[in-house]
């Protein structure tokens, strides 16, 4: 009967606590401002300025693929890009940070649940005979305990909810940071790869030019042996040949460094990676820029910056919740006895249950300072968000302008190459006929080589600008898949 009565009594207390808790939760509120995404710029442009007057040679699908590098149709580049997300160490760091942020979300959510602890303790003690407490001295006492404690903070003011909100926003920002790191590594790899291929093309040009200059040297040697050319013609031809050979050798330094840079992006030792030379057959593709407002959805760095604003907004609510009382429910129970034989008997049981509330009356201005700190941090993240958006617009405009201007420059430069090649042919024929000095041939050949190298350099600049435009547009990132 006592057992039944005890159980009924505990159940009644628990019921009253549950009803009280329900009333508290029903009336619960979340302090602090609810998040509203700030305006990224004062006036959102409807189109990119640099698109005006730009003739699009290909249909505009308005979509950039997740595997954006495939638009260059280079199998070697495709195979290298596929390794970046797996092997790049910066991406690995960002991925680990994302897992860390995701775990912190669960840490914050755990605050919604009670904490249950259990422990066991056994002590044996003897009191002093000279303690002066009135208790007979020299008594030896054993104390065996098996307590179970349950504590739960009632989230009446929404502090825990704001912490979950901040953690979730930080995890989403970390996911976007991971996408941004991956895109950055992919873009760097493509840029380095194109520079390397342009160097290969320049090396092939210099090798072909060297063969031509060697023929010119043989021609001047023959003319000198026949007495129709001066010794200075032979020396000039030899100087030009050796100078061109030296230029071809010098390209090896830049090529080796680019190869090492690609190895680093792939997370490989430089000694274990190499790329064989090949003919440059990459063309500059059309890249659909879309509309400016689309950047807010498809650039991972903008998404990350906006999520950090949301997290900072939640921190303001957390700081404001410190002004309100903390309400905690606790319950304890278990068994306590002085003898092992009666430790787990029903009379050895004990229990307690009840709420507790505490509020800070004076803290020397700590809460005020923390609240101001949170508001200032929020303002800083808003400013950083808007700066990120403006920088994104600038990046797109810069590279649209670069592609447009470089395309015009390439057309003019190709005309200069064709003209210079014709000058070489005419001047060489005139020299063989004896109507001009060999110096005219040297000048024509040097001019032709310089123009051809400039044309190849423009190809490299256009490819680099196209990669930067893809990066500025956010690549093929899809927010739903990244979060």
Protein backbone atom coordinates (compact mmCIF):
# COMPACT_ATOMS: atom_id res chain seq x y z
CA UNK A 1 0.00 0.00 0.00
CA UNK A 2 2.83 2.36 0.79
CA UNK A 3 4.37 1.54 -2.54
CA UNK A 4 1.14 2.26 -4.31
CA UNK A 5 0.59 5.42 -2.35
CA UNK A 6 4.10 6.58 -3.09
CA UNK A 7 3.66 5.94 -6.76
CA UNK A 8 0.38 7.80 -6.88
CA UNK A 9 1.91 10.71 -5.06
CA UNK A 10 4.87 10.93 -7.48
CA UNK A 11 2.56 10.64 -10.46
CA UNK A 12 0.43 13.48 -9.18
CA UNK A 13 3.45 15.74 -8.71
CA UNK A 14 4.72 14.83 -12.16
CA UNK A 15 1.33 15.59 -13.67
CA UNK A 16 1.24 19.03 -12.08
CA UNK A 17 4.76 19.75 -13.36
CA UNK A 18 3.81 18.61 -16.86
CA UNK A 19 0.75 20.86 -16.84
CA UNK A 20 2.80 23.79 -15.59
CA UNK A 21 5.45 23.11 -18.24
CA UNK A 22 2.80 22.97 -20.96
CA UNK A 23 1.47 26.35 -19.85
CA UNK A 24 4.97 27.81 -19.93
CA UNK A 25 5.72 26.45 -23.39
CA UNK A 26 2.35 27.67 -24.69
CA UNK A 27 3.19 31.18 -23.57
CA UNK A 28 6.84 30.92 -24.63
CA UNK A 29 8.26 33.53 -26.95
CA UNK A 30 11.49 34.02 -28.85
CA UNK A 31 13.21 37.28 -28.03
CA UNK A 32 15.35 39.14 -30.51
CA UNK A 33 14.66 40.21 -34.10
CA UNK A 34 13.38 37.63 -36.59
CA UNK A 35 15.69 37.35 -39.57
CA UNK A 36 14.93 39.29 -42.73
CA UNK A 37 17.44 39.08 -45.59
CA UNK A 38 19.00 42.54 -46.05
CA UNK A 39 18.92 44.25 -49.42
CA UNK A 40 22.22 43.40 -51.15
CA UNK A 41 22.45 46.67 -53.08
CA UNK A 42 20.47 49.88 -53.21
CA UNK A 43 19.35 49.26 -56.82
CA UNK A 44 19.59 45.85 -58.46
CA UNK A 45 20.69 46.19 -62.12
CA UNK A 46 18.52 44.35 -64.64
CA UNK A 47 21.39 43.45 -66.96
CA UNK A 48 25.17 43.58 -67.10
CA UNK A 49 26.53 46.75 -68.66
CA UNK A 50 29.21 44.93 -70.63
CA UNK A 51 26.61 42.81 -72.44
CA UNK A 52 25.45 45.84 -74.43
CA UNK A 53 26.51 45.52 -78.04
CA UNK A 54 28.02 42.08 -77.48
CA UNK A 55 27.08 39.79 -80.36
CA UNK A 56 26.42 36.28 -79.11
CA UNK A 57 27.56 33.68 -81.64
CA UNK A 58 25.95 30.75 -79.84
CA UNK A 59 22.49 30.16 -78.35
CA UNK A 60 22.19 31.43 -74.79
CA UNK A 61 20.85 28.60 -72.65
CA UNK A 62 21.31 30.67 -69.50
CA UNK A 63 22.66 27.64 -67.64
CA UNK A 64 26.20 26.77 -66.54
CA UNK A 65 26.70 23.06 -65.97
CA UNK A 66 28.08 21.71 -62.70
CA UNK A 67 30.83 20.17 -64.83
CA UNK A 68 31.48 23.56 -66.42
CA UNK A 69 35.01 22.69 -67.57
CA UNK A 70 33.58 20.33 -70.18
CA UNK A 71 32.65 23.33 -72.35
CA UNK A 72 36.35 23.46 -73.37
CA UNK A 73 36.18 19.92 -74.80
CA UNK A 74 39.61 18.91 -73.48
CA UNK A 75 39.76 15.30 -72.20
CA UNK A 76 42.94 15.91 -70.20
CA UNK A 77 41.41 18.91 -68.44
CA UNK A 78 38.27 16.88 -67.71
CA UNK A 79 40.25 14.12 -66.03
CA UNK A 80 42.22 16.61 -63.94
CA UNK A 81 39.15 18.55 -62.81
CA UNK A 82 37.48 15.37 -61.59
CA UNK A 83 40.33 14.90 -59.10
CA UNK A 84 40.07 18.34 -57.50
CA UNK A 85 37.06 17.70 -55.26
CA UNK A 86 38.68 14.47 -54.04
CA UNK A 87 42.36 15.31 -53.68
CA UNK A 88 42.72 19.07 -53.23
CA UNK A 89 43.83 19.78 -49.66
CA UNK A 90 42.13 23.17 -49.35
CA UNK A 91 38.88 21.49 -50.34
CA UNK A 92 39.59 18.79 -47.75
CA UNK A 93 39.98 21.49 -45.08
CA UNK A 94 36.70 23.14 -46.10
CA UNK A 95 34.94 19.75 -46.11
CA UNK A 96 36.16 18.99 -42.57
CA UNK A 97 35.02 22.44 -41.42
CA UNK A 98 31.60 21.77 -42.93
CA UNK A 99 31.32 18.48 -41.01
CA UNK A 100 32.33 20.34 -37.87
CA UNK A 101 29.65 23.00 -38.42
CA UNK A 102 27.05 20.32 -39.10
CA UNK A 103 27.97 18.57 -35.83
CA UNK A 104 27.56 21.86 -33.95
CA UNK A 105 23.96 21.99 -35.16
CA UNK A 106 23.29 18.76 -33.27
CA UNK A 107 25.07 20.19 -30.23
CA UNK A 108 22.71 23.17 -30.29
CA UNK A 109 19.63 20.98 -30.81
CA UNK A 110 20.62 18.88 -27.80
CA UNK A 111 19.68 21.85 -25.62
CA UNK A 112 16.02 21.10 -26.35
CA UNK A 113 16.26 17.79 -24.51
CA UNK A 114 16.80 17.00 -20.83
CA UNK A 115 20.14 15.87 -19.49
CA UNK A 116 20.08 12.54 -17.68
CA UNK A 117 23.01 11.45 -15.52
CA UNK A 118 23.54 8.42 -13.34
CA UNK A 119 26.34 7.68 -10.93
CA UNK A 120 27.33 5.46 -8.06
CA UNK A 121 29.27 6.38 -4.93
CA UNK A 122 30.43 4.46 -1.91
CA UNK A 123 32.04 6.13 1.11
CA UNK A 124 33.11 4.98 4.54
CA UNK A 125 33.98 7.60 7.14
CA UNK A 126 34.67 8.01 10.83
CA UNK A 127 33.89 11.18 12.77
CA UNK A 128 36.35 12.84 15.14
CA UNK A 129 35.97 12.30 18.88
CA UNK A 130 37.06 15.92 19.43
CA UNK A 131 34.77 17.57 16.90
CA UNK A 132 32.65 19.21 19.62
CA UNK A 133 29.49 18.60 17.61
CA UNK A 134 27.74 16.55 20.27
CA UNK A 135 27.90 13.47 18.08
CA UNK A 136 29.60 10.49 19.63
CA UNK A 137 33.08 10.29 18.20
CA UNK A 138 34.79 7.39 16.65
CA UNK A 139 31.66 6.16 14.88
CA UNK A 140 32.28 4.55 11.51
CA UNK A 141 29.57 5.17 8.89
CA UNK A 142 29.09 3.65 5.46
CA UNK A 143 27.16 5.50 2.75
CA UNK A 144 26.15 3.82 -0.54
CA UNK A 145 24.35 5.92 -3.20
CA UNK A 146 22.99 5.33 -6.70
CA UNK A 147 21.48 8.68 -7.80
CA UNK A 148 19.79 9.44 -11.13
CA UNK A 149 19.55 13.17 -11.99
CA UNK A 150 17.38 14.73 -14.68
CA UNK A 151 17.68 18.42 -15.59
CA UNK A 152 15.98 20.39 -18.34
CA UNK A 153 16.14 24.08 -19.12
CA UNK A 154 12.79 25.41 -20.33
CA UNK A 155 13.47 27.45 -23.47
CA UNK A 156 10.91 30.05 -22.46
CA UNK A 157 12.63 32.99 -24.14
CA UNK A 158 13.93 31.18 -27.20
CA UNK A 159 17.65 31.23 -26.35
CA UNK A 160 18.14 27.60 -27.39
CA UNK A 161 16.02 28.11 -30.50
CA UNK A 162 18.23 31.04 -31.48
CA UNK A 163 21.32 28.93 -30.89
CA UNK A 164 19.94 26.24 -33.19
CA UNK A 165 19.08 28.92 -35.72
CA UNK A 166 22.61 30.34 -35.58
CA UNK A 167 24.21 26.89 -35.84
CA UNK A 168 22.08 25.94 -38.83
CA UNK A 169 22.94 29.19 -40.60
CA UNK A 170 26.63 28.65 -39.88
CA UNK A 171 26.40 25.11 -41.25
CA UNK A 172 24.76 26.40 -44.42
CA UNK A 173 27.48 29.04 -44.70
CA UNK A 174 30.11 26.34 -44.26
CA UNK A 175 28.48 24.27 -47.02
CA UNK A 176 28.68 27.29 -49.31
CA UNK A 177 32.31 27.85 -48.25
CA UNK A 178 33.05 24.27 -49.28
CA UNK A 179 31.49 24.91 -52.69
CA UNK A 180 33.45 28.16 -53.02
CA UNK A 181 36.74 26.43 -52.15
CA UNK A 182 36.02 23.70 -54.68
CA UNK A 183 35.15 26.21 -57.40
CA UNK A 184 38.26 28.26 -56.62
CA UNK A 185 40.49 25.20 -56.91
CA UNK A 186 38.77 24.11 -60.13
CA UNK A 187 39.17 27.57 -61.66
CA UNK A 188 42.82 27.78 -60.60
CA UNK A 189 43.48 24.38 -62.16
CA UNK A 190 41.83 25.36 -65.45
CA UNK A 191 43.72 28.66 -65.54
CA UNK A 192 47.09 26.99 -64.88
CA UNK A 193 46.32 24.27 -67.41
CA UNK A 194 45.50 26.78 -70.15
CA UNK A 195 48.66 28.78 -69.40
CA UNK A 196 50.65 25.57 -69.68
CA UNK A 197 49.04 24.71 -73.02
CA UNK A 198 49.75 28.21 -74.35
CA UNK A 199 53.39 27.75 -73.34
CA UNK A 200 53.39 24.43 -75.21
CA UNK A 201 52.04 26.25 -78.27
CA UNK A 202 54.69 28.94 -77.96
CA UNK A 203 57.37 26.27 -77.61
CA UNK A 204 56.09 24.60 -80.79
CA UNK A 205 56.11 27.98 -82.54
CA UNK A 206 59.67 28.70 -81.42
CA UNK A 207 60.82 25.23 -82.48
CA UNK A 208 59.26 25.69 -85.92
CA UNK A 209 60.76 29.18 -86.15
CA UNK A 210 64.14 27.81 -85.13
CA UNK A 211 63.99 25.37 -88.04
CA UNK A 212 63.23 28.26 -90.39
CA UNK A 213 66.07 30.33 -88.94
CA UNK A 214 68.42 27.37 -89.33
CA UNK A 215 67.53 27.24 -93.02
CA UNK A 216 68.16 30.97 -93.24
CA UNK A 217 71.58 30.47 -91.63
CA UNK A 218 72.39 27.74 -94.14
CA UNK A 219 71.30 30.06 -96.94
CA UNK A 220 73.53 32.90 -95.75
CA UNK A 221 76.44 30.48 -95.29
CA UNK A 222 76.02 29.32 -98.88
CA UNK A 223 75.81 32.88 -100.13
CA UNK A 224 78.86 33.82 -98.10
CA UNK A 225 80.78 30.86 -99.50
CA UNK A 226 79.76 31.97 -102.98
CA UNK A 227 81.02 35.47 -102.24
CA UNK A 228 77.65 37.18 -102.64
CA UNK A 229 77.01 37.80 -98.90
CA UNK A 230 79.01 39.42 -96.17
CA UNK A 231 80.29 37.65 -93.09
CA UNK A 232 78.07 39.94 -91.03
CA UNK A 233 74.98 38.32 -92.63
CA UNK A 234 76.11 34.93 -91.37
CA UNK A 235 76.71 36.28 -87.85
CA UNK A 236 73.35 38.04 -87.80
CA UNK A 237 71.58 34.85 -88.88
CA UNK A 238 73.42 32.83 -86.25
CA UNK A 239 72.61 35.38 -83.55
CA UNK A 240 68.93 35.27 -84.42
CA UNK A 241 68.92 31.45 -84.39
CA UNK A 242 70.63 31.14 -81.00
CA UNK A 243 68.46 33.86 -79.47
CA UNK A 244 65.32 32.02 -80.55
CA UNK A 245 66.66 28.72 -79.21
CA UNK A 246 67.33 30.46 -75.87
CA UNK A 247 63.74 31.74 -75.78
CA UNK A 248 62.45 28.22 -76.35
CA UNK A 249 64.59 26.90 -73.50
CA UNK A 250 63.45 29.71 -71.19
CA UNK A 251 59.83 28.62 -71.55
CA UNK A 252 60.77 25.44 -69.69
CA UNK A 253 60.99 27.35 -66.39
CA UNK A 254 57.42 28.66 -66.57
CA UNK A 255 56.10 25.31 -67.80
CA UNK A 256 57.73 23.41 -64.94
CA UNK A 257 56.31 25.85 -62.38
CA UNK A 258 52.81 25.57 -63.84
CA UNK A 259 53.07 21.78 -63.80
CA UNK A 260 54.08 21.93 -60.14
CA UNK A 261 51.16 24.26 -59.38
CA UNK A 262 48.73 21.82 -60.99
CA UNK A 263 50.21 18.97 -58.95
CA UNK A 264 49.62 20.97 -55.76
CA UNK A 265 45.99 21.62 -56.74
CA UNK A 266 45.58 17.88 -57.20
CA UNK A 267 47.18 17.13 -53.82
CA UNK A 268 50.13 15.33 -55.41
CA UNK A 269 53.90 15.71 -55.01
CA UNK A 270 55.43 17.65 -57.89
CA UNK A 271 57.83 14.80 -58.60
CA UNK A 272 54.94 12.37 -59.12
CA UNK A 273 53.07 14.44 -61.72
CA UNK A 274 53.76 15.45 -65.30
CA UNK A 275 51.83 16.53 -68.38
CA UNK A 276 53.05 15.75 -71.86
CA UNK A 277 53.07 18.49 -74.47
CA UNK A 278 50.24 18.60 -76.99
CA UNK A 279 48.86 20.83 -79.71
CA UNK A 280 46.71 23.73 -78.50
CA UNK A 281 43.23 23.05 -79.89
CA UNK A 282 41.10 24.74 -77.22
CA UNK A 283 38.63 27.38 -78.32
CA UNK A 284 37.06 30.05 -76.14
CA UNK A 285 33.43 28.99 -75.50
CA UNK A 286 30.41 31.18 -75.00
CA UNK A 287 29.45 31.50 -71.34
CA UNK A 288 25.86 32.53 -70.53
CA UNK A 289 26.04 35.33 -67.94
CA UNK A 290 22.32 35.41 -67.17
CA UNK A 291 20.98 38.37 -65.18
CA UNK A 292 22.63 40.12 -62.21
CA UNK A 293 20.01 39.00 -59.67
CA UNK A 294 20.82 35.37 -60.49
CA UNK A 295 24.22 35.85 -58.85
CA UNK A 296 22.49 36.02 -55.48
CA UNK A 297 21.35 32.43 -55.98
CA UNK A 298 24.30 30.77 -57.70
CA UNK A 299 27.45 32.26 -56.17
CA UNK A 300 28.52 30.22 -53.13
CA UNK A 301 30.47 33.07 -51.54
CA UNK A 302 27.35 35.29 -51.65
CA UNK A 303 25.28 32.48 -50.15
CA UNK A 304 27.88 31.99 -47.41
CA UNK A 305 27.96 35.69 -46.62
CA UNK A 306 24.16 35.89 -46.44
CA UNK A 307 23.98 32.87 -44.11
CA UNK A 308 26.53 34.51 -41.83
CA UNK A 309 24.19 37.50 -41.61
CA UNK A 310 21.41 35.13 -40.50
CA UNK A 311 23.70 33.60 -37.87
CA UNK A 312 24.68 37.04 -36.57
CA UNK A 313 21.01 38.00 -36.35
CA UNK A 314 20.34 34.94 -34.19
CA UNK A 315 23.24 35.91 -31.93
CA UNK A 316 21.44 39.20 -31.22
CA UNK A 317 18.49 37.20 -29.89
CA UNK A 318 20.80 35.02 -27.79
CA UNK A 319 22.33 38.13 -26.22
CA UNK A 320 18.91 39.61 -25.46
CA UNK A 321 17.70 36.36 -23.85
CA UNK A 322 20.32 36.88 -21.13
CA UNK A 323 18.11 39.65 -19.66
CA UNK A 324 15.36 37.14 -18.83
CA UNK A 325 15.17 34.54 -16.05
CA UNK A 326 16.47 31.03 -16.58
CA UNK A 327 13.92 28.38 -15.68
CA UNK A 328 15.11 24.84 -15.07
CA UNK A 329 13.27 21.68 -14.16
CA UNK A 330 15.12 19.04 -12.22
CA UNK A 331 14.35 15.64 -10.84
CA UNK A 332 16.48 13.24 -8.84
CA UNK A 333 15.96 9.77 -7.51
CA UNK A 334 17.76 6.59 -6.65
CA UNK A 335 18.80 4.44 -3.77
CA UNK A 336 20.83 5.32 -0.68
CA UNK A 337 21.79 3.06 2.21
CA UNK A 338 24.47 2.45 4.79
CA UNK A 339 24.51 -1.27 4.06
CA UNK A 340 25.13 -3.16 0.87
CA UNK A 341 22.43 -5.69 1.74
CA UNK A 342 19.71 -3.02 1.91
CA UNK A 343 21.05 -0.71 -0.79
CA UNK A 344 18.52 -1.69 -3.45
CA UNK A 345 15.57 -2.30 -1.12
CA UNK A 346 12.42 -0.23 -1.54
CA UNK A 347 12.81 1.73 1.74
CA UNK A 348 16.26 2.91 0.50
CA UNK A 349 14.72 4.87 -2.33
CA UNK A 350 14.78 8.66 -2.45
CA UNK A 351 13.46 11.21 -4.94
CA UNK A 352 12.98 14.93 -5.47
CA UNK A 353 11.42 17.01 -8.24
CA UNK A 354 10.83 20.70 -8.73
CA UNK A 355 11.48 23.78 -10.84
CA UNK A 356 14.08 26.49 -10.24
CA UNK A 357 14.38 29.99 -11.61
CA UNK A 358 17.28 32.42 -11.53
CA UNK A 359 17.84 35.89 -12.92
CA UNK A 360 20.89 38.11 -12.92
CA UNK A 361 20.17 41.41 -11.17
CA UNK A 362 23.58 43.05 -11.59
CA UNK A 363 26.54 42.13 -13.79
CA UNK A 364 28.42 45.38 -14.18
CA UNK A 365 27.08 45.94 -17.72
CA UNK A 366 28.19 42.61 -19.17
CA UNK A 367 24.83 41.88 -20.82
CA UNK A 368 24.58 45.39 -22.25
CA UNK A 369 28.06 45.05 -23.73
CA UNK A 370 27.32 41.60 -25.12
CA UNK A 371 24.11 42.87 -26.71
CA UNK A 372 25.93 45.80 -28.33
CA UNK A 373 28.66 43.45 -29.49
CA UNK A 374 26.11 41.18 -31.17
CA UNK A 375 24.41 44.12 -32.89
CA UNK A 376 27.74 45.46 -34.13
CA UNK A 377 28.71 42.00 -35.41
CA UNK A 378 25.40 41.83 -37.28
CA UNK A 379 26.01 45.23 -38.88
CA UNK A 380 29.49 44.09 -39.92
CA UNK A 381 28.17 40.92 -41.57
CA UNK A 382 25.53 42.94 -43.46
CA UNK A 383 28.23 45.26 -44.78
CA UNK A 384 30.40 42.27 -45.72
CA UNK A 385 27.43 40.67 -47.50
CA UNK A 386 26.80 43.78 -49.57
CA UNK A 387 30.50 44.10 -50.36
CA UNK A 388 30.55 40.49 -51.54
CA UNK A 389 27.60 41.15 -53.85
CA UNK A 390 29.18 44.28 -55.32
CA UNK A 391 32.48 42.47 -55.80
CA UNK A 392 30.62 39.69 -57.61
CA UNK A 393 29.03 42.20 -59.99
CA UNK A 394 32.42 43.76 -60.59
CA UNK A 395 34.00 40.38 -61.35
CA UNK A 396 31.37 39.56 -63.95
CA UNK A 397 31.59 42.99 -65.57
CA UNK A 398 35.41 42.87 -65.61
CA UNK A 399 35.58 39.55 -67.39
CA UNK A 400 32.73 40.30 -69.79
CA UNK A 401 34.65 43.42 -70.78
CA UNK A 402 37.89 41.45 -71.03
CA UNK A 403 36.32 38.83 -73.31
CA UNK A 404 34.71 41.45 -75.54
CA UNK A 405 37.82 43.59 -75.88
CA UNK A 406 40.20 40.63 -76.24
CA UNK A 407 38.02 39.21 -79.02
CA UNK A 408 38.32 42.48 -80.94
CA UNK A 409 42.05 42.62 -80.25
CA UNK A 410 42.48 39.05 -81.44
CA UNK A 411 40.86 39.82 -84.78
CA UNK A 412 43.19 42.76 -85.34
CA UNK A 413 46.22 40.81 -84.11
CA UNK A 414 45.51 37.94 -86.51
CA UNK A 415 45.49 40.46 -89.34
CA UNK A 416 48.88 41.71 -88.14
CA UNK A 417 50.20 38.12 -88.12
CA UNK A 418 49.11 37.53 -91.69
CA UNK A 419 50.63 40.80 -92.82
CA UNK A 420 53.92 40.08 -91.03
CA UNK A 421 54.15 36.64 -92.62
CA UNK A 422 53.70 38.17 -96.07
CA UNK A 423 56.46 40.68 -95.29
CA UNK A 424 58.82 37.81 -94.42
CA UNK A 425 58.10 36.05 -97.70
CA UNK A 426 58.58 39.20 -99.78
CA UNK A 427 61.71 40.33 -97.93
CA UNK A 428 63.33 36.89 -98.15
CA UNK A 429 62.75 36.82 -101.90
CA UNK A 430 64.18 40.32 -102.24
CA UNK A 431 67.27 39.32 -100.26
CA UNK A 432 67.82 36.26 -102.43
CA UNK A 433 67.55 38.53 -105.46
CA UNK A 434 70.11 40.84 -103.90
CA UNK A 435 67.86 43.90 -103.74
CA UNK A 436 67.76 44.31 -99.93
CA UNK A 437 70.19 43.74 -97.08
CA UNK A 438 69.89 40.75 -94.79
CA UNK A 439 69.00 43.09 -91.95
CA UNK A 440 65.61 43.60 -93.61
CA UNK A 441 65.01 39.84 -93.45
CA UNK A 442 65.96 39.74 -89.77
CA UNK A 443 63.60 42.58 -88.93
CA UNK A 444 60.74 40.98 -90.86
CA UNK A 445 61.28 37.58 -89.24
CA UNK A 446 61.55 39.03 -85.73
CA UNK A 447 58.39 41.09 -86.27
CA UNK A 448 56.51 38.04 -87.52
CA UNK A 449 57.59 35.92 -84.55
CA UNK A 450 56.68 38.64 -82.06
CA UNK A 451 53.21 39.00 -83.59
CA UNK A 452 52.59 35.25 -83.56
CA UNK A 453 53.62 35.01 -79.92
CA UNK A 454 51.34 37.96 -79.11
CA UNK A 455 48.47 36.17 -80.85
CA UNK A 456 49.07 33.06 -78.74
CA UNK A 457 49.23 35.21 -75.63
CA UNK A 458 45.82 36.65 -76.49
CA UNK A 459 44.42 33.13 -76.76
CA UNK A 460 45.72 32.48 -73.25
CA UNK A 461 44.22 35.73 -71.94
CA UNK A 462 40.84 34.94 -73.46
CA UNK A 463 40.84 31.44 -71.96
CA UNK A 464 41.83 32.85 -68.57
CA UNK A 465 39.09 35.50 -68.76
CA UNK A 466 36.53 32.83 -69.63
CA UNK A 467 37.54 30.78 -66.58
CA UNK A 468 37.34 33.85 -64.35
CA UNK A 469 33.91 34.63 -65.77
CA UNK A 470 32.71 31.12 -64.94
CA UNK A 471 34.08 31.56 -61.42
CA UNK A 472 32.48 35.01 -61.09
CA UNK A 473 29.14 33.52 -62.14
CA UNK A 474 29.38 30.82 -59.48
CA UNK A 475 30.28 27.94 -61.77
CA UNK A 476 27.62 25.25 -61.82
CA UNK A 477 26.90 25.43 -58.09
CA UNK A 478 23.38 24.41 -57.06
CA UNK A 479 22.52 25.59 -53.52
CA UNK A 480 20.03 22.79 -52.80
CA UNK A 481 22.67 20.12 -53.44
CA UNK A 482 25.40 21.98 -51.54
CA UNK A 483 23.34 22.39 -48.37
